[in-house]
Amino acid sequence: QARDGLDDPERLLAEVASATDDTAKQFAALGNEEIAQVLAVAAK
């Protein structure tokens, strides 16, 4: 049961990774490449 419970954090992690990627793309589109790069590399 404890092992199966690890599926929830994995789903949440995927959501955080996706949101971070989306935010990095938004910053890049606004010309804030440095912020976008920090988000992309650190998040990954």
PDB file of all heavy atoms in Angstrom:
ATOM      1  N   GLN A   1       0.834  -1.203   0.000  1.00  0.00           N
ATOM      2  CA  GLN A   1       0.000   0.000   0.000  1.00  0.00           C
ATOM      3  C   GLN A   1       0.873   1.258   0.000  1.00  0.00           C
ATOM      4  O   GLN A   1       0.587   2.221  -0.710  1.00  0.00           O
ATOM      5  CB  GLN A   1      -0.933  -0.003   1.205  1.00  0.00           C
ATOM      6  CG  GLN A   1      -1.893   1.159   1.229  1.00  0.00           C
ATOM      7  CD  GLN A   1      -2.847   1.084   2.415  1.00  0.00           C
ATOM      8  OE1 GLN A   1      -2.667   0.293   3.340  1.00  0.00           O
ATOM      9  NE2 GLN A   1      -3.860   1.913   2.390  1.00  0.00           N
ATOM     10  N   ALA A   2       1.927   1.241   0.783  1.00  0.00           N
ATOM     11  CA  ALA A   2       2.842   2.386   0.824  1.00  0.00           C
ATOM     12  C   ALA A   2       3.503   2.572  -0.533  1.00  0.00           C
ATOM     13  O   ALA A   2       3.635   3.704  -1.028  1.00  0.00           O
ATOM     14  CB  ALA A   2       3.898   2.184   1.913  1.00  0.00           C
ATOM     15  N   ARG A   3       3.903   1.491  -1.172  1.00  0.00           N
ATOM     16  CA  ARG A   3       4.523   1.569  -2.499  1.00  0.00           C
ATOM     17  C   ARG A   3       3.539   2.144  -3.505  1.00  0.00           C
ATOM     18  O   ARG A   3       3.876   2.997  -4.311  1.00  0.00           O
ATOM     19  CB  ARG A   3       4.982   0.183  -2.936  1.00  0.00           C
ATOM     20  CG  ARG A   3       5.831   0.209  -4.207  1.00  0.00           C
ATOM     21  CD  ARG A   3       5.258  -0.754  -5.233  1.00  0.00           C
ATOM     22  NE  ARG A   3       6.109  -0.835  -6.399  1.00  0.00           N
ATOM     23  CZ  ARG A   3       5.881  -0.157  -7.514  1.00  0.00           C
ATOM     24  NH1 ARG A   3       4.865   0.652  -7.604  1.00  0.00           N
ATOM     25  NH2 ARG A   3       6.664  -0.281  -8.556  1.00  0.00           N
ATOM     26  N   ASP A   4       2.297   1.659  -3.467  1.00  0.00           N
ATOM     27  CA  ASP A   4       1.271   2.155  -4.388  1.00  0.00           C
ATOM     28  C   ASP A   4       0.989   3.637  -4.153  1.00  0.00           C
ATOM     29  O   ASP A   4       0.635   4.358  -5.083  1.00  0.00           O
ATOM     30  CB  ASP A   4      -0.011   1.343  -4.243  1.00  0.00           C
ATOM     31  CG  ASP A   4       0.136  -0.091  -4.732  1.00  0.00           C
ATOM     32  OD1 ASP A   4       1.123  -0.394  -5.442  1.00  0.00           O
ATOM     33  OD2 ASP A   4      -0.739  -0.917  -4.382  1.00  0.00           O
ATOM     34  N   GLY A   5       1.175   4.078  -2.921  1.00  0.00           N
ATOM     35  CA  GLY A   5       0.958   5.483  -2.591  1.00  0.00           C
ATOM     36  C   GLY A   5       1.955   6.419  -3.255  1.00  0.00           C
ATOM     37  O   GLY A   5       1.744   7.633  -3.304  1.00  0.00           O
ATOM     38  N   LEU A   6       3.038   5.874  -3.782  1.00  0.00           N
ATOM     39  CA  LEU A   6       4.036   6.697  -4.466  1.00  0.00           C
ATOM     40  C   LEU A   6       3.563   7.158  -5.843  1.00  0.00           C
ATOM     41  O   LEU A   6       4.200   8.013  -6.456  1.00  0.00           O
ATOM     42  CB  LEU A   6       5.358   5.938  -4.594  1.00  0.00           C
ATOM     43  CG  LEU A   6       6.066   5.646  -3.271  1.00  0.00           C
ATOM     44  CD1 LEU A   6       7.257   4.729  -3.509  1.00  0.00           C
ATOM     45  CD2 LEU A   6       6.501   6.928  -2.603  1.00  0.00           C
ATOM     46  N   ASP A   7       2.451   6.623  -6.312  1.00  0.00           N
ATOM     47  CA  ASP A   7       1.921   7.050  -7.605  1.00  0.00           C
ATOM     48  C   ASP A   7       1.400   8.480  -7.549  1.00  0.00           C
ATOM     49  O   ASP A   7       1.530   9.223  -8.526  1.00  0.00           O
ATOM     50  CB  ASP A   7       0.810   6.110  -8.068  1.00  0.00           C
ATOM     51  CG  ASP A   7       1.335   4.724  -8.429  1.00  0.00           C
ATOM     52  OD1 ASP A   7       2.555   4.594  -8.686  1.00  0.00           O
ATOM     53  OD2 ASP A   7       0.535   3.776  -8.450  1.00  0.00           O
ATOM     54  N   ASP A   8       0.826   8.877  -6.425  1.00  0.00           N
ATOM     55  CA  ASP A   8       0.306  10.246  -6.299  1.00  0.00           C
ATOM     56  C   ASP A   8       1.411  11.297  -6.414  1.00  0.00           C
ATOM     57  O   ASP A   8       1.259  12.246  -7.187  1.00  0.00           O
ATOM     58  CB  ASP A   8      -0.474  10.420  -4.993  1.00  0.00           C
ATOM     59  CG  ASP A   8      -1.803   9.689  -5.014  1.00  0.00           C
ATOM     60  OD1 ASP A   8      -2.357   9.454  -6.110  1.00  0.00           O
ATOM     61  OD2 ASP A   8      -2.294   9.339  -3.922  1.00  0.00           O
ATOM     62  N   PRO A   9       2.520  11.160  -5.690  1.00  0.00           N
ATOM     63  CA  PRO A   9       3.586  12.145  -5.865  1.00  0.00           C
ATOM     64  C   PRO A   9       4.122  12.186  -7.299  1.00  0.00           C
ATOM     65  O   PRO A   9       4.490  13.249  -7.791  1.00  0.00           O
ATOM     66  CB  PRO A   9       4.681  11.691  -4.891  1.00  0.00           C
ATOM     67  CG  PRO A   9       3.978  10.880  -3.867  1.00  0.00           C
ATOM     68  CD  PRO A   9       2.826  10.241  -4.592  1.00  0.00           C
ATOM     69  N   GLU A  10       4.142  11.055  -7.970  1.00  0.00           N
ATOM     70  CA  GLU A  10       4.619  11.027  -9.357  1.00  0.00           C
ATOM     71  C   GLU A  10       3.702  11.847 -10.255  1.00  0.00           C
ATOM     72  O   GLU A  10       4.172  12.606 -11.109  1.00  0.00           O
ATOM     73  CB  GLU A  10       4.706   9.588  -9.864  1.00  0.00           C
ATOM     74  CG  GLU A  10       5.264   9.454 -11.263  1.00  0.00           C
ATOM     75  CD  GLU A  10       6.723   9.839 -11.398  1.00  0.00           C
ATOM     76  OE1 GLU A  10       7.511   9.477 -10.515  1.00  0.00           O
ATOM     77  OE2 GLU A  10       7.068  10.510 -12.382  1.00  0.00           O
ATOM     78  N   ARG A  11       2.390  11.718 -10.053  1.00  0.00           N
ATOM     79  CA  ARG A  11       1.440  12.509 -10.839  1.00  0.00           C
ATOM     80  C   ARG A  11       1.599  13.996 -10.538  1.00  0.00           C
ATOM     81  O   ARG A  11       1.582  14.830 -11.446  1.00  0.00           O
ATOM     82  CB  ARG A  11       0.003  12.071 -10.553  1.00  0.00           C
ATOM     83  CG  ARG A  11      -0.418  10.836 -11.330  1.00  0.00           C
ATOM     84  CD  ARG A  11      -1.913  10.588 -11.214  1.00  0.00           C
ATOM     85  NE  ARG A  11      -2.322  10.245  -9.868  1.00  0.00           N
ATOM     86  CZ  ARG A  11      -2.283   9.025  -9.356  1.00  0.00           C
ATOM     87  NH1 ARG A  11      -1.839   8.032 -10.070  1.00  0.00           N
ATOM     88  NH2 ARG A  11      -2.683   8.801  -8.132  1.00  0.00           N
ATOM     89  N   LEU A  12       1.738  14.329  -9.265  1.00  0.00           N
ATOM     90  CA  LEU A  12       1.919  15.735  -8.884  1.00  0.00           C
ATOM     91  C   LEU A  12       3.219  16.290  -9.451  1.00  0.00           C
ATOM     92  O   LEU A  12       3.272  17.437  -9.902  1.00  0.00           O
ATOM     93  CB  LEU A  12       1.894  15.876  -7.361  1.00  0.00           C
ATOM     94  CG  LEU A  12       0.561  15.589  -6.685  1.00  0.00           C
ATOM     95  CD1 LEU A  12       0.730  15.570  -5.166  1.00  0.00           C
ATOM     96  CD2 LEU A  12      -0.477  16.604  -7.097  1.00  0.00           C
ATOM     97  N   LEU A  13       4.256  15.492  -9.436  1.00  0.00           N
ATOM     98  CA  LEU A  13       5.538  15.912  -9.986  1.00  0.00           C
ATOM     99  C   LEU A  13       5.409  16.203 -11.481  1.00  0.00           C
ATOM    100  O   LEU A  13       5.952  17.191 -11.982  1.00  0.00           O
ATOM    101  CB  LEU A  13       6.595  14.836  -9.738  1.00  0.00           C
ATOM    102  CG  LEU A  13       7.999  15.137 -10.254  1.00  0.00           C
ATOM    103  CD1 LEU A  13       8.561  16.396  -9.607  1.00  0.00           C
ATOM    104  CD2 LEU A  13       8.902  13.943  -9.987  1.00  0.00           C
ATOM    105  N   ALA A  14       4.668  15.377 -12.188  1.00  0.00           N
ATOM    106  CA  ALA A  14       4.454  15.609 -13.619  1.00  0.00           C
ATOM    107  C   ALA A  14       3.719  16.925 -13.844  1.00  0.00           C
ATOM    108  O   ALA A  14       4.043  17.680 -14.776  1.00  0.00           O
ATOM    109  CB  ALA A  14       3.676  14.449 -14.225  1.00  0.00           C
ATOM    110  N   GLU A  15       2.758  17.224 -12.990  1.00  0.00           N
ATOM    111  CA  GLU A  15       2.022  18.487 -13.101  1.00  0.00           C
ATOM    112  C   GLU A  15       2.942  19.681 -12.845  1.00  0.00           C
ATOM    113  O   GLU A  15       2.896  20.680 -13.562  1.00  0.00           O
ATOM    114  CB  GLU A  15       0.847  18.509 -12.126  1.00  0.00           C
ATOM    115  CG  GLU A  15      -0.270  17.559 -12.495  1.00  0.00           C
ATOM    116  CD  GLU A  15      -1.354  17.509 -11.435  1.00  0.00           C
ATOM    117  OE1 GLU A  15      -1.425  18.407 -10.567  1.00  0.00           O
ATOM    118  OE2 GLU A  15      -2.160  16.547 -11.479  1.00  0.00           O
ATOM    119  N   VAL A  16       3.786  19.574 -11.826  1.00  0.00           N
ATOM    120  CA  VAL A  16       4.724  20.656 -11.510  1.00  0.00           C
ATOM    121  C   VAL A  16       5.706  20.846 -12.662  1.00  0.00           C
ATOM    122  O   VAL A  16       5.991  21.976 -13.070  1.00  0.00           O
ATOM    123  CB  VAL A  16       5.469  20.367 -10.184  1.00  0.00           C
ATOM    124  CG1 VAL A  16       6.650  21.297  -9.997  1.00  0.00           C
ATOM    125  CG2 VAL A  16       4.514  20.479  -9.010  1.00  0.00           C
ATOM    126  N   ALA A  17       6.214  19.760 -13.203  1.00  0.00           N
ATOM    127  CA  ALA A  17       7.162  19.846 -14.312  1.00  0.00           C
ATOM    128  C   ALA A  17       6.517  20.504 -15.524  1.00  0.00           C
ATOM    129  O   ALA A  17       7.130  21.367 -16.176  1.00  0.00           O
ATOM    130  CB  ALA A  17       7.679  18.452 -14.670  1.00  0.00           C
ATOM    131  N   SER A  18       5.288  20.136 -15.806  1.00  0.00           N
ATOM    132  CA  SER A  18       4.578  20.716 -16.947  1.00  0.00           C
ATOM    133  C   SER A  18       4.315  22.209 -16.734  1.00  0.00           C
ATOM    134  O   SER A  18       4.521  23.019 -17.643  1.00  0.00           O
ATOM    135  CB  SER A  18       3.253  19.973 -17.164  1.00  0.00           C
ATOM    136  OG  SER A  18       2.537  20.551 -18.221  1.00  0.00           O
ATOM    137  N   ALA A  19       3.876  22.566 -15.538  1.00  0.00           N
ATOM    138  CA  ALA A  19       3.610  23.975 -15.236  1.00  0.00           C
ATOM    139  C   ALA A  19       4.894  24.798 -15.307  1.00  0.00           C
ATOM    140  O   ALA A  19       4.892  25.936 -15.806  1.00  0.00           O
ATOM    141  CB  ALA A  19       2.966  24.110 -13.853  1.00  0.00           C
ATOM    142  N   THR A  20       5.983  24.234 -14.829  1.00  0.00           N
ATOM    143  CA  THR A  20       7.267  24.942 -14.881  1.00  0.00           C
ATOM    144  C   THR A  20       7.714  25.146 -16.323  1.00  0.00           C
ATOM    145  O   THR A  20       8.167  26.227 -16.697  1.00  0.00           O
ATOM    146  CB  THR A  20       8.342  24.171 -14.089  1.00  0.00           C
ATOM    147  OG1 THR A  20       7.890  24.019 -12.739  1.00  0.00           O
ATOM    148  CG2 THR A  20       9.672  24.901 -14.092  1.00  0.00           C
ATOM    149  N   ASP A  21       7.545  24.116 -17.131  1.00  0.00           N
ATOM    150  CA  ASP A  21       7.901  24.212 -18.541  1.00  0.00           C
ATOM    151  C   ASP A  21       7.051  25.285 -19.237  1.00  0.00           C
ATOM    152  O   ASP A  21       7.574  26.098 -20.001  1.00  0.00           O
ATOM    153  CB  ASP A  21       7.718  22.854 -19.223  1.00  0.00           C
ATOM    154  CG  ASP A  21       8.179  22.859 -20.660  1.00  0.00           C
ATOM    155  OD1 ASP A  21       9.324  23.282 -20.911  1.00  0.00           O
ATOM    156  OD2 ASP A  21       7.398  22.440 -21.536  1.00  0.00           O
ATOM    157  N   ASP A  22       5.763  25.282 -18.952  1.00  0.00           N
ATOM    158  CA  ASP A  22       4.873  26.300 -19.541  1.00  0.00           C
ATOM    159  C   ASP A  22       5.285  27.709 -19.124  1.00  0.00           C
ATOM    160  O   ASP A  22       5.308  28.629 -19.949  1.00  0.00           O
ATOM    161  CB  ASP A  22       3.422  26.045 -19.126  1.00  0.00           C
ATOM    162  CG  ASP A  22       2.825  24.792 -19.746  1.00  0.00           C
ATOM    163  OD1 ASP A  22       3.434  24.247 -20.696  1.00  0.00           O
ATOM    164  OD2 ASP A  22       1.768  24.344 -19.256  1.00  0.00           O
ATOM    165  N   THR A  23       5.626  27.875 -17.858  1.00  0.00           N
ATOM    166  CA  THR A  23       6.037  29.187 -17.358  1.00  0.00           C
ATOM    167  C   THR A  23       7.353  29.620 -17.994  1.00  0.00           C
ATOM    168  O   THR A  23       7.519  30.789 -18.368  1.00  0.00           O
ATOM    169  CB  THR A  23       6.157  29.166 -15.823  1.00  0.00           C
ATOM    170  OG1 THR A  23       4.887  28.773 -15.271  1.00  0.00           O
ATOM    171  CG2 THR A  23       6.526  30.533 -15.273  1.00  0.00           C
ATOM    172  N   ALA A  24       8.280  28.695 -18.140  1.00  0.00           N
ATOM    173  CA  ALA A  24       9.557  29.014 -18.791  1.00  0.00           C
ATOM    174  C   ALA A  24       9.316  29.471 -20.224  1.00  0.00           C
ATOM    175  O   ALA A  24       9.933  30.451 -20.686  1.00  0.00           O
ATOM    176  CB  ALA A  24      10.481  27.794 -18.767  1.00  0.00           C
ATOM    177  N   LYS A  25       8.427  28.810 -20.931  1.00  0.00           N
ATOM    178  CA  LYS A  25       8.100  29.210 -22.302  1.00  0.00           C
ATOM    179  C   LYS A  25       7.474  30.601 -22.348  1.00  0.00           C
ATOM    180  O   LYS A  25       7.751  31.379 -23.271  1.00  0.00           O
ATOM    181  CB  LYS A  25       7.172  28.186 -22.936  1.00  0.00           C
ATOM    182  CG  LYS A  25       7.865  26.879 -23.263  1.00  0.00           C
ATOM    183  CD  LYS A  25       6.891  25.858 -23.805  1.00  0.00           C
ATOM    184  CE  LYS A  25       7.594  24.527 -24.051  1.00  0.00           C
ATOM    185  NZ  LYS A  25       6.653  23.480 -24.433  1.00  0.00           N
ATOM    186  N   GLN A  26       6.642  30.909 -21.359  1.00  0.00           N
ATOM    187  CA  GLN A  26       6.026  32.243 -21.307  1.00  0.00           C
ATOM    188  C   GLN A  26       7.089  33.319 -21.095  1.00  0.00           C
ATOM    189  O   GLN A  26       7.058  34.361 -21.750  1.00  0.00           O
ATOM    190  CB  GLN A  26       4.975  32.304 -20.193  1.00  0.00           C
ATOM    191  CG  GLN A  26       3.734  31.493 -20.495  1.00  0.00           C
ATOM    192  CD  GLN A  26       2.796  31.410 -19.297  1.00  0.00           C
ATOM    193  OE1 GLN A  26       3.091  31.930 -18.224  1.00  0.00           O
ATOM    194  NE2 GLN A  26       1.675  30.734 -19.480  1.00  0.00           N
ATOM    195  N   PHE A  27       8.021  33.060 -20.185  1.00  0.00           N
ATOM    196  CA  PHE A  27       9.100  34.025 -19.966  1.00  0.00           C
ATOM    197  C   PHE A  27       9.958  34.182 -21.220  1.00  0.00           C
ATOM    198  O   PHE A  27      10.359  35.294 -21.562  1.00  0.00           O
ATOM    199  CB  PHE A  27       9.964  33.636 -18.765  1.00  0.00           C
ATOM    200  CG  PHE A  27       9.413  34.105 -17.453  1.00  0.00           C
ATOM    201  CD1 PHE A  27       8.822  33.214 -16.563  1.00  0.00           C
ATOM    202  CD2 PHE A  27       9.476  35.443 -17.087  1.00  0.00           C
ATOM    203  CE1 PHE A  27       8.309  33.646 -15.359  1.00  0.00           C
ATOM    204  CE2 PHE A  27       8.970  35.888 -15.880  1.00  0.00           C
ATOM    205  CZ  PHE A  27       8.377  34.986 -15.010  1.00  0.00           C
ATOM    206  N   ALA A  28      10.223  33.080 -21.904  1.00  0.00           N
ATOM    207  CA  ALA A  28      11.013  33.147 -23.134  1.00  0.00           C
ATOM    208  C   ALA A  28      10.282  33.972 -24.193  1.00  0.00           C
ATOM    209  O   ALA A  28      10.898  34.786 -24.889  1.00  0.00           O
ATOM    210  CB  ALA A  28      11.310  31.746 -23.650  1.00  0.00           C
ATOM    211  N   ALA A  29       8.978  33.766 -24.300  1.00  0.00           N
ATOM    212  CA  ALA A  29       8.190  34.520 -25.281  1.00  0.00           C
ATOM    213  C   ALA A  29       8.186  36.017 -24.974  1.00  0.00           C
ATOM    214  O   ALA A  29       8.076  36.843 -25.879  1.00  0.00           O
ATOM    215  CB  ALA A  29       6.758  33.990 -25.323  1.00  0.00           C
ATOM    216  N   LEU A  30       8.335  36.360 -23.713  1.00  0.00           N
ATOM    217  CA  LEU A  30       8.375  37.771 -23.298  1.00  0.00           C
ATOM    218  C   LEU A  30       9.791  38.345 -23.386  1.00  0.00           C
ATOM    219  O   LEU A  30      10.018  39.497 -23.032  1.00  0.00           O
ATOM    220  CB  LEU A  30       7.850  37.921 -21.868  1.00  0.00           C
ATOM    221  CG  LEU A  30       6.363  37.607 -21.675  1.00  0.00           C
ATOM    222  CD1 LEU A  30       6.022  37.577 -20.187  1.00  0.00           C
ATOM    223  CD2 LEU A  30       5.493  38.611 -22.422  1.00  0.00           C
ATOM    224  N   GLY A  31      10.731  37.523 -23.819  1.00  0.00           N
ATOM    225  CA  GLY A  31      12.107  37.993 -23.969  1.00  0.00           C
ATOM    226  C   GLY A  31      12.954  37.849 -22.722  1.00  0.00           C
ATOM    227  O   GLY A  31      14.075  38.350 -22.669  1.00  0.00           O
ATOM    228  N   ASN A  32      12.453  37.177 -21.721  1.00  0.00           N
ATOM    229  CA  ASN A  32      13.197  36.958 -20.475  1.00  0.00           C
ATOM    230  C   ASN A  32      13.880  35.589 -20.522  1.00  0.00           C
ATOM    231  O   ASN A  32      13.557  34.678 -19.766  1.00  0.00           O
ATOM    232  CB  ASN A  32      12.263  37.048 -19.261  1.00  0.00           C
ATOM    233  CG  ASN A  32      11.716  38.431 -19.039  1.00  0.00           C
ATOM    234  OD1 ASN A  32      12.452  39.396 -19.149  1.00  0.00           O
ATOM    235  ND2 ASN A  32      10.429  38.521 -18.750  1.00  0.00           N
ATOM    236  N   GLU A  33      14.848  35.487 -21.432  1.00  0.00           N
ATOM    237  CA  GLU A  33      15.534  34.210 -21.647  1.00  0.00           C
ATOM    238  C   GLU A  33      16.273  33.713 -20.416  1.00  0.00           C
ATOM    239  O   GLU A  33      16.332  32.512 -20.166  1.00  0.00           O
ATOM    240  CB  GLU A  33      16.513  34.328 -22.813  1.00  0.00           C
ATOM    241  CG  GLU A  33      15.861  34.318 -24.163  1.00  0.00           C
ATOM    242  CD  GLU A  33      15.175  32.997 -24.478  1.00  0.00           C
ATOM    243  OE1 GLU A  33      15.666  31.936 -24.056  1.00  0.00           O
ATOM    244  OE2 GLU A  33      14.128  33.045 -25.133  1.00  0.00           O
ATOM    245  N   GLU A  34      16.845  34.631 -19.660  1.00  0.00           N
ATOM    246  CA  GLU A  34      17.616  34.217 -18.485  1.00  0.00           C
ATOM    247  C   GLU A  34      16.718  33.512 -17.469  1.00  0.00           C
ATOM    248  O   GLU A  34      17.069  32.454 -16.939  1.00  0.00           O
ATOM    249  CB  GLU A  34      18.310  35.420 -17.852  1.00  0.00           C
ATOM    250  CG  GLU A  34      19.294  35.029 -16.767  1.00  0.00           C
ATOM    251  CD  GLU A  34      20.094  36.214 -16.252  1.00  0.00           C
ATOM    252  OE1 GLU A  34      20.175  37.256 -16.934  1.00  0.00           O
ATOM    253  OE2 GLU A  34      20.640  36.077 -15.143  1.00  0.00           O
ATOM    254  N   ILE A  35      15.554  34.104 -17.207  1.00  0.00           N
ATOM    255  CA  ILE A  35      14.614  33.472 -16.271  1.00  0.00           C
ATOM    256  C   ILE A  35      14.143  32.139 -16.837  1.00  0.00           C
ATOM    257  O   ILE A  35      14.069  31.140 -16.116  1.00  0.00           O
ATOM    258  CB  ILE A  35      13.425  34.401 -15.981  1.00  0.00           C
ATOM    259  CG1 ILE A  35      13.897  35.637 -15.211  1.00  0.00           C
ATOM    260  CG2 ILE A  35      12.339  33.669 -15.191  1.00  0.00           C
ATOM    261  CD1 ILE A  35      12.842  36.711 -15.041  1.00  0.00           C
ATOM    262  N   ALA A  36      13.823  32.135 -18.124  1.00  0.00           N
ATOM    263  CA  ALA A  36      13.353  30.906 -18.758  1.00  0.00           C
ATOM    264  C   ALA A  36      14.390  29.804 -18.646  1.00  0.00           C
ATOM    265  O   ALA A  36      14.057  28.642 -18.351  1.00  0.00           O
ATOM    266  CB  ALA A  36      13.017  31.172 -20.221  1.00  0.00           C
ATOM    267  N   GLN A  37      15.658  30.166 -18.855  1.00  0.00           N
ATOM    268  CA  GLN A  37      16.739  29.180 -18.772  1.00  0.00           C
ATOM    269  C   GLN A  37      16.902  28.648 -17.352  1.00  0.00           C
ATOM    270  O   GLN A  37      17.067  27.440 -17.151  1.00  0.00           O
ATOM    271  CB  GLN A  37      18.057  29.797 -19.267  1.00  0.00           C
ATOM    272  CG  GLN A  37      19.193  28.823 -19.368  1.00  0.00           C
ATOM    273  CD  GLN A  37      18.968  27.786 -20.457  1.00  0.00           C
ATOM    274  OE1 GLN A  37      18.180  27.967 -21.367  1.00  0.00           O
ATOM    275  NE2 GLN A  37      19.667  26.677 -20.340  1.00  0.00           N
ATOM    276  N   VAL A  38      16.844  29.532 -16.383  1.00  0.00           N
ATOM    277  CA  VAL A  38      16.961  29.102 -14.980  1.00  0.00           C
ATOM    278  C   VAL A  38      15.830  28.141 -14.637  1.00  0.00           C
ATOM    279  O   VAL A  38      16.060  27.081 -14.026  1.00  0.00           O
ATOM    280  CB  VAL A  38      16.955  30.318 -14.020  1.00  0.00           C
ATOM    281  CG1 VAL A  38      16.787  29.876 -12.579  1.00  0.00           C
ATOM    282  CG2 VAL A  38      18.229  31.133 -14.187  1.00  0.00           C
ATOM    283  N   LEU A  39      14.621  28.490 -15.034  1.00  0.00           N
ATOM    284  CA  LEU A  39      13.479  27.613 -14.755  1.00  0.00           C
ATOM    285  C   LEU A  39      13.633  26.263 -15.440  1.00  0.00           C
ATOM    286  O   LEU A  39      13.411  25.217 -14.818  1.00  0.00           O
ATOM    287  CB  LEU A  39      12.172  28.270 -15.215  1.00  0.00           C
ATOM    288  CG  LEU A  39      11.647  29.420 -14.377  1.00  0.00           C
ATOM    289  CD1 LEU A  39      10.443  30.052 -15.051  1.00  0.00           C
ATOM    290  CD2 LEU A  39      11.290  28.943 -12.982  1.00  0.00           C
ATOM    291  N   ALA A  40      14.014  26.294 -16.693  1.00  0.00           N
ATOM    292  CA  ALA A  40      14.118  25.045 -17.455  1.00  0.00           C
ATOM    293  C   ALA A  40      15.192  24.118 -16.897  1.00  0.00           C
ATOM    294  O   ALA A  40      14.953  22.925 -16.689  1.00  0.00           O
ATOM    295  CB  ALA A  40      14.389  25.355 -18.924  1.00  0.00           C
ATOM    296  N   VAL A  41      16.359  24.660 -16.630  1.00  0.00           N
ATOM    297  CA  VAL A  41      17.471  23.825 -16.149  1.00  0.00           C
ATOM    298  C   VAL A  41      17.241  23.367 -14.714  1.00  0.00           C
ATOM    299  O   VAL A  41      17.371  22.170 -14.405  1.00  0.00           O
ATOM    300  CB  VAL A  41      18.811  24.587 -16.273  1.00  0.00           C
ATOM    301  CG1 VAL A  41      19.932  23.824 -15.587  1.00  0.00           C
ATOM    302  CG2 VAL A  41      19.144  24.830 -17.742  1.00  0.00           C
ATOM    303  N   ALA A  42      16.893  24.294 -13.843  1.00  0.00           N
ATOM    304  CA  ALA A  42      16.695  23.935 -12.433  1.00  0.00           C
ATOM    305  C   ALA A  42      15.547  22.954 -12.268  1.00  0.00           C
ATOM    306  O   ALA A  42      15.667  21.964 -11.537  1.00  0.00           O
ATOM    307  CB  ALA A  42      16.459  25.181 -11.596  1.00  0.00           C
ATOM    308  N   ALA A  43      14.454  23.213 -12.963  1.00  0.00           N
ATOM    309  CA  ALA A  43      13.301  22.321 -12.835  1.00  0.00           C
ATOM    310  C   ALA A  43      13.641  20.926 -13.332  1.00  0.00           C
ATOM    311  O   ALA A  43      13.297  19.934 -12.702  1.00  0.00           O
ATOM    312  CB  ALA A  43      12.113  22.886 -13.595  1.00  0.00           C
ATOM    313  N   LYS A  44      14.335  20.847 -14.460  1.00  0.00           N
ATOM    314  CA  LYS A  44      14.692  19.532 -14.986  1.00  0.00           C
ATOM    315  C   LYS A  44      15.591  18.783 -14.008  1.00  0.00           C
ATOM    316  O   LYS A  44      15.348  17.621 -13.714  1.00  0.00           O
ATOM    317  CB  LYS A  44      15.388  19.653 -16.342  1.00  0.00           C
ATOM    318  CG  LYS A  44      15.714  18.296 -16.937  1.00  0.00           C
ATOM    319  CD  LYS A  44      16.604  18.395 -18.138  1.00  0.00           C
ATOM    320  CE  LYS A  44      16.978  17.050 -18.702  1.00  0.00           C
ATOM    321  NZ  LYS A  44      17.301  15.998 -17.785  1.00  0.00           N
TER     322      LYS A  44
END
